[in-house]
Amino acid sequence: MKALKILVLSLGVLGLVGSQIWGQDPSAGYGTATPSSIGNLNDSDNQGPTTVPTRATLSEWILYPRDPGCCGPTGNCKSGPILLETYFRTGPEFTVGGGVFNNVLETGWNIGGGGRSLFFNPDADQAWVIDLGVSNTHYNSNNRNPAVSLFNLPYLDRSGTFGIGVNKSLTIPAVDVGIISLNTTFVNLSGGKEYYLRGDAFNKDNSWRIGGDIGGRYGSGKTEFVGFPNLKDTIGGVFLSLHSDLQIPFGKVNLIAGLRLEWDYIWNGVLQSQNNSDLSNISLLYNGGIQF
């Protein structure tokens, strides 16, 4: 009798639950989803809205986007990007003024390299430039006849006249010498301006720029003489330049190729004060580099 009561009670509970389920619209769970309804859906644990997955991409640090909008999407920044450029230069150096060296030296050959910092405007079509580099020029003489008189020159005699292994410092009162060659090495520092006549620093096609700079140089000069040891001296100079370059995009960098016309004046005291040792040059240099 007790078992019959339990059975009847169980059938009643099942009938009540079944009426609640069967009374629902079968299509209620299969309606068209809308953005608002998606946002209100919760996961099985009821922990928050469902997140719609997005496509994964590499970070900007790896992709390195190259565009002039350095200060945000509005493009209203007061200053533009800063780029670095390394370069290699070489070409002939023609003597055009000065004293003794201008009279006896042939055209020299210049070789150098360095780096440039370019501070662009927001449009990346103009830039102020700071240039730091080194250069070396070698000149041969076209006249080795004794043409220069030097006085009171220090001389280290290593002939062995004073004994085996004994060297003695002497002073030569006067000597006439011929010049074999001149070699100069400088550290160069200059500032200037760049203008893009076609494209800009971030152009996807080739760009064309022109520019100029002014600066100073400091270094050493070595002069070789006929029949006398070479002499060295600390030298300095100033220079002006104009250049024109083609800029070629190549992956994440720009290749630079162009020409540079440079005038300089060098103060040199190696031939003593009675001889004018200064030298002025005009150089025509090939300029190649990488901008990044």
Protein backbone atom coordinates (compact mmCIF):
# COMPACT_ATOMS: atom_id res chain seq x y z
CA MET A 1 0.00 0.00 0.00
CA LYS A 2 2.87 2.34 0.87
CA ALA A 3 4.59 1.53 -2.39
CA LEU A 4 1.43 2.37 -4.35
CA LYS A 5 1.25 5.80 -2.73
CA ILE A 6 4.90 6.51 -3.66
CA LEU A 7 4.23 5.47 -7.26
CA VAL A 8 1.20 7.73 -7.59
CA LEU A 9 3.13 10.70 -6.09
CA SER A 10 6.02 10.17 -8.52
CA LEU A 11 3.69 10.10 -11.54
CA GLY A 12 2.14 13.38 -10.40
CA VAL A 13 5.53 15.13 -10.16
CA LEU A 14 6.51 13.89 -13.66
CA GLY A 15 3.21 15.10 -15.09
CA LEU A 16 3.75 18.62 -13.65
CA VAL A 17 7.30 18.91 -15.03
CA GLY A 18 6.23 17.57 -18.40
CA SER A 19 3.45 20.12 -18.74
CA GLN A 20 5.97 22.96 -18.20
CA ILE A 21 8.30 21.62 -20.91
CA TRP A 22 5.62 20.68 -23.44
CA GLY A 23 3.99 24.08 -23.08
CA GLN A 24 7.03 25.92 -24.53
CA ASP A 25 7.39 27.04 -28.20
CA PRO A 26 9.79 24.55 -29.85
CA SER A 27 11.34 27.32 -32.00
CA ALA A 28 12.16 29.62 -29.10
CA GLY A 29 15.78 28.44 -28.83
CA TYR A 30 16.49 28.70 -32.56
CA GLY A 31 15.73 32.33 -33.43
CA THR A 32 18.01 34.67 -35.43
CA ALA A 33 20.89 35.97 -33.32
CA THR A 34 21.45 39.72 -33.13
CA PRO A 35 24.52 41.64 -31.89
CA SER A 36 22.60 42.66 -28.76
CA SER A 37 21.54 39.10 -28.02
CA ILE A 38 25.10 37.82 -28.55
CA GLY A 39 26.39 40.32 -26.05
CA ASN A 40 23.94 39.06 -23.41
CA LEU A 41 24.79 35.38 -23.78
CA ASN A 42 26.68 33.87 -20.86
CA ASP A 43 28.92 30.84 -20.79
CA SER A 44 28.00 27.62 -19.03
CA ASP A 45 29.46 28.85 -15.76
CA ASN A 46 27.61 32.16 -15.97
CA GLN A 47 30.94 34.02 -15.60
CA GLY A 48 30.51 36.81 -18.17
CA PRO A 49 29.69 37.75 -21.79
CA THR A 50 30.88 35.56 -24.61
CA THR A 51 34.01 37.03 -26.33
CA VAL A 52 34.04 36.98 -30.11
CA PRO A 53 37.58 35.83 -31.22
CA THR A 54 39.65 38.11 -33.48
CA ARG A 55 42.51 37.38 -35.89
CA ALA A 56 45.97 37.28 -34.25
CA THR A 57 48.69 39.54 -35.72
CA LEU A 58 52.34 40.33 -34.99
CA SER A 59 53.15 43.29 -32.78
CA GLU A 60 54.03 46.68 -34.25
CA TRP A 61 57.50 46.32 -32.74
CA ILE A 62 58.13 43.38 -35.07
CA LEU A 63 56.25 44.72 -38.10
CA TYR A 64 57.90 48.18 -37.68
CA PRO A 65 55.31 50.34 -39.50
CA ARG A 66 57.12 53.06 -41.48
CA ASP A 67 54.89 56.09 -41.78
CA PRO A 68 55.29 59.75 -40.89
CA GLY A 69 52.45 59.68 -38.33
CA CYS A 70 54.83 59.32 -35.43
CA CYS A 71 52.72 61.12 -32.91
CA GLY A 72 49.41 59.29 -33.24
CA PRO A 73 46.60 58.97 -35.78
CA THR A 74 45.72 62.66 -35.79
CA GLY A 75 49.01 63.69 -37.38
CA ASN A 76 49.07 66.95 -35.44
CA CYS A 77 52.44 66.50 -33.80
CA LYS A 78 54.87 69.40 -33.84
CA SER A 79 57.84 67.28 -34.88
CA GLY A 80 58.31 64.40 -37.26
CA PRO A 81 60.27 61.15 -37.18
CA ILE A 82 63.99 60.82 -36.57
CA LEU A 83 65.95 58.50 -38.86
CA LEU A 84 69.56 57.31 -38.93
CA GLU A 85 71.69 57.03 -42.05
CA THR A 86 75.11 55.43 -42.49
CA TYR A 87 77.18 56.34 -45.53
CA PHE A 88 80.32 55.67 -47.56
CA ARG A 89 81.92 58.37 -49.75
CA THR A 90 84.79 58.31 -52.21
CA GLY A 91 86.05 60.36 -55.13
CA PRO A 92 88.70 62.76 -56.47
CA GLU A 93 89.84 65.85 -54.57
CA PHE A 94 91.18 68.71 -56.70
CA THR A 95 93.58 71.28 -55.22
CA VAL A 96 92.37 74.81 -56.05
CA GLY A 97 94.17 77.13 -53.64
CA GLY A 98 96.71 77.59 -50.92
CA GLY A 99 100.48 77.75 -51.04
CA VAL A 100 103.25 75.25 -51.70
CA PHE A 101 101.02 72.18 -51.67
CA ASN A 102 98.70 73.67 -54.28
CA ASN A 103 101.71 74.12 -56.59
CA VAL A 104 103.16 70.62 -56.35
CA LEU A 105 100.36 68.19 -55.52
CA GLU A 106 98.36 66.20 -58.04
CA THR A 107 94.65 65.45 -57.66
CA GLY A 108 94.11 63.45 -54.49
CA TRP A 109 91.69 60.64 -53.70
CA ASN A 110 89.26 60.91 -50.81
CA ILE A 111 87.62 58.04 -48.94
CA GLY A 112 85.39 58.30 -45.87
CA GLY A 113 82.33 57.18 -43.97
CA GLY A 114 80.12 58.01 -41.04
CA GLY A 115 76.58 58.46 -39.80
CA ARG A 116 73.84 61.09 -40.07
CA SER A 117 70.85 61.83 -37.82
CA LEU A 118 67.87 63.26 -39.74
CA PHE A 119 65.20 65.20 -37.82
CA PHE A 120 62.15 65.36 -40.12
CA ASN A 121 59.13 67.63 -40.18
CA PRO A 122 55.68 65.97 -39.77
CA ASP A 123 55.34 65.53 -43.56
CA ALA A 124 58.76 63.80 -43.71
CA ASP A 125 59.80 65.86 -46.77
CA GLN A 126 62.34 68.12 -45.00
CA ALA A 127 64.92 67.35 -42.33
CA TRP A 128 67.62 69.00 -40.28
CA VAL A 129 70.77 66.88 -40.32
CA ILE A 130 73.74 66.29 -38.01
CA ASP A 131 76.64 64.48 -39.70
CA LEU A 132 79.63 62.86 -37.94
CA GLY A 133 82.26 61.01 -39.96
CA VAL A 134 85.90 60.36 -40.77
CA SER A 135 87.81 60.87 -44.02
CA ASN A 136 91.25 60.30 -45.49
CA THR A 137 92.84 61.88 -48.56
CA HIS A 138 96.14 60.98 -50.21
CA TYR A 139 97.94 63.27 -52.70
CA ASN A 140 101.06 62.51 -54.71
CA SER A 141 103.46 65.21 -55.86
CA ASN A 142 104.12 66.06 -59.50
CA ASN A 143 107.37 67.87 -58.68
CA ARG A 144 109.94 66.37 -56.32
CA ASN A 145 112.67 68.92 -56.85
CA PRO A 146 113.91 70.70 -53.69
CA ALA A 147 111.49 73.59 -53.46
CA VAL A 148 111.00 74.06 -49.71
CA SER A 149 113.52 75.33 -47.17
CA LEU A 150 113.07 74.12 -43.59
CA PHE A 151 115.04 75.25 -40.53
CA ASN A 152 116.03 73.81 -37.14
CA LEU A 153 114.52 70.42 -37.76
CA PRO A 154 114.82 67.72 -35.08
CA TYR A 155 116.42 64.59 -36.45
CA LEU A 156 117.08 61.17 -34.85
CA ASP A 157 120.32 59.73 -36.25
CA ARG A 158 120.13 55.92 -36.39
CA SER A 159 123.08 55.42 -38.72
CA GLY A 160 125.29 53.84 -36.04
CA THR A 161 127.90 56.58 -36.31
CA PHE A 162 127.84 57.01 -32.53
CA GLY A 163 128.16 53.31 -31.78
CA ILE A 164 126.27 50.10 -32.33
CA GLY A 165 122.66 50.52 -31.19
CA VAL A 166 123.22 54.17 -30.21
CA ASN A 167 120.78 56.75 -31.63
CA LYS A 168 121.29 60.44 -31.13
CA SER A 169 118.91 63.37 -31.47
CA LEU A 170 120.25 66.14 -33.64
CA THR A 171 119.04 69.51 -34.88
CA ILE A 172 119.52 70.27 -38.56
CA PRO A 173 119.97 74.04 -39.03
CA ALA A 174 118.61 74.17 -42.59
CA VAL A 175 117.64 71.79 -45.40
CA ASP A 176 116.03 72.10 -48.82
CA VAL A 177 113.59 69.29 -49.52
CA GLY A 178 111.27 68.07 -52.24
CA ILE A 179 107.76 66.84 -51.47
CA ILE A 180 106.77 63.25 -52.29
CA SER A 181 103.22 63.14 -50.93
CA LEU A 182 100.69 64.48 -48.45
CA ASN A 183 98.21 62.37 -46.48
CA THR A 184 95.44 63.88 -44.34
CA THR A 185 93.03 62.18 -41.91
CA PHE A 186 90.09 64.03 -40.34
CA VAL A 187 87.16 63.71 -37.99
CA ASN A 188 84.33 65.75 -39.56
CA LEU A 189 81.29 67.33 -37.89
CA SER A 190 78.63 69.29 -39.78
CA GLY A 191 75.00 70.38 -39.78
CA GLY A 192 72.65 70.98 -42.68
CA LYS A 193 69.21 70.64 -44.25
CA GLU A 194 67.55 68.13 -46.60
CA TYR A 195 64.70 68.83 -49.04
CA TYR A 196 62.75 66.15 -50.90
CA LEU A 197 61.89 67.30 -54.42
CA ARG A 198 60.09 64.04 -55.19
CA GLY A 199 58.34 61.86 -52.62
CA ASP A 200 59.38 61.81 -48.97
CA ALA A 201 61.37 59.72 -46.53
CA PHE A 202 58.62 57.04 -46.39
CA ASN A 203 57.67 56.99 -50.06
CA LYS A 204 57.04 53.49 -51.42
CA ASP A 205 58.62 54.50 -54.73
CA ASN A 206 61.98 56.11 -55.43
CA SER A 207 62.48 59.59 -53.97
CA TRP A 208 64.82 62.42 -54.90
CA ARG A 209 66.37 64.81 -52.40
CA ILE A 210 68.88 67.65 -52.35
CA GLY A 211 70.69 69.23 -49.44
CA GLY A 212 73.69 71.06 -48.09
CA ASP A 213 75.75 71.34 -44.94
CA ILE A 214 78.52 73.35 -43.30
CA GLY A 215 81.04 72.11 -40.78
CA GLY A 216 84.56 71.74 -39.52
CA ARG A 217 87.21 69.05 -39.46
CA TYR A 218 90.16 68.25 -37.21
CA GLY A 219 92.92 65.71 -37.64
CA SER A 220 96.51 65.10 -38.67
CA GLY A 221 98.62 65.47 -41.80
CA LYS A 222 101.76 63.59 -42.82
CA THR A 223 104.15 64.91 -45.45
CA GLU A 224 106.82 62.72 -47.07
CA PHE A 225 110.01 64.39 -48.32
CA VAL A 226 112.82 63.44 -50.67
CA GLY A 227 115.93 62.59 -48.66
CA PHE A 228 114.43 63.47 -45.29
CA PRO A 229 112.08 61.64 -42.85
CA ASN A 230 108.40 62.54 -43.01
CA LEU A 231 106.92 65.22 -40.79
CA LYS A 232 103.51 65.22 -39.10
CA ASP A 233 101.35 68.05 -37.86
CA THR A 234 97.92 68.63 -36.33
CA ILE A 235 95.65 70.27 -38.90
CA GLY A 236 92.11 71.63 -39.11
CA GLY A 237 89.69 73.02 -41.66
CA VAL A 238 86.21 74.15 -42.61
CA PHE A 239 83.99 72.90 -45.44
CA LEU A 240 80.78 73.53 -47.36
CA SER A 241 78.91 70.98 -49.43
CA LEU A 242 75.93 70.41 -51.74
CA HIS A 243 74.54 66.99 -52.59
CA SER A 244 71.82 65.27 -54.59
CA ASP A 245 70.67 61.72 -53.82
CA LEU A 246 68.29 59.08 -55.08
CA GLN A 247 66.46 57.21 -52.31
CA ILE A 248 65.42 53.64 -53.18
CA PRO A 249 63.12 51.61 -50.85
CA PHE A 250 64.52 48.17 -50.09
CA GLY A 251 62.54 46.16 -47.54
CA LYS A 252 62.57 47.94 -44.20
CA VAL A 253 65.37 50.35 -45.20
CA ASN A 254 66.13 52.91 -47.90
CA LEU A 255 69.22 52.71 -50.10
CA ILE A 256 70.93 56.03 -50.86
CA ALA A 257 72.99 56.78 -53.97
CA GLY A 258 74.11 60.18 -55.20
CA LEU A 259 76.83 62.79 -55.68
CA ARG A 260 78.36 65.28 -53.26
CA LEU A 261 80.23 68.47 -54.23
CA GLU A 262 82.42 69.81 -51.42
CA TRP A 263 84.78 72.75 -50.90
CA ASP A 264 87.18 72.90 -47.97
CA TYR A 265 90.05 74.98 -46.65
CA ILE A 266 92.75 73.31 -44.53
CA TRP A 267 95.16 75.07 -42.19
CA ASN A 268 98.47 73.20 -42.11
CA GLY A 269 101.72 74.27 -40.45
CA VAL A 270 103.90 71.30 -41.33
CA LEU A 271 106.13 73.35 -43.70
CA GLN A 272 106.78 75.97 -41.01
CA SER A 273 105.64 79.58 -41.00
CA GLN A 274 107.98 80.77 -43.77
CA ASN A 275 106.18 78.46 -46.22
CA ASN A 276 102.46 78.63 -46.86
CA SER A 277 101.24 75.10 -46.05
CA ASP A 278 97.52 75.80 -46.35
CA LEU A 279 95.46 73.96 -48.95
CA SER A 280 92.03 74.42 -50.52
CA ASN A 281 90.19 71.63 -52.37
CA ILE A 282 87.06 70.89 -54.35
CA SER A 283 85.88 67.28 -54.07
CA LEU A 284 83.42 65.37 -56.24
CA LEU A 285 82.33 62.36 -54.21
CA TYR A 286 80.08 59.38 -54.77
CA ASN A 287 77.73 59.03 -51.79
CA GLY A 288 76.18 55.67 -50.95
CA GLY A 289 74.36 54.69 -47.79
CA ILE A 290 71.53 53.00 -45.93
CA GLN A 291 68.73 54.90 -44.16
CA PHE A 292 66.73 53.21 -41.41
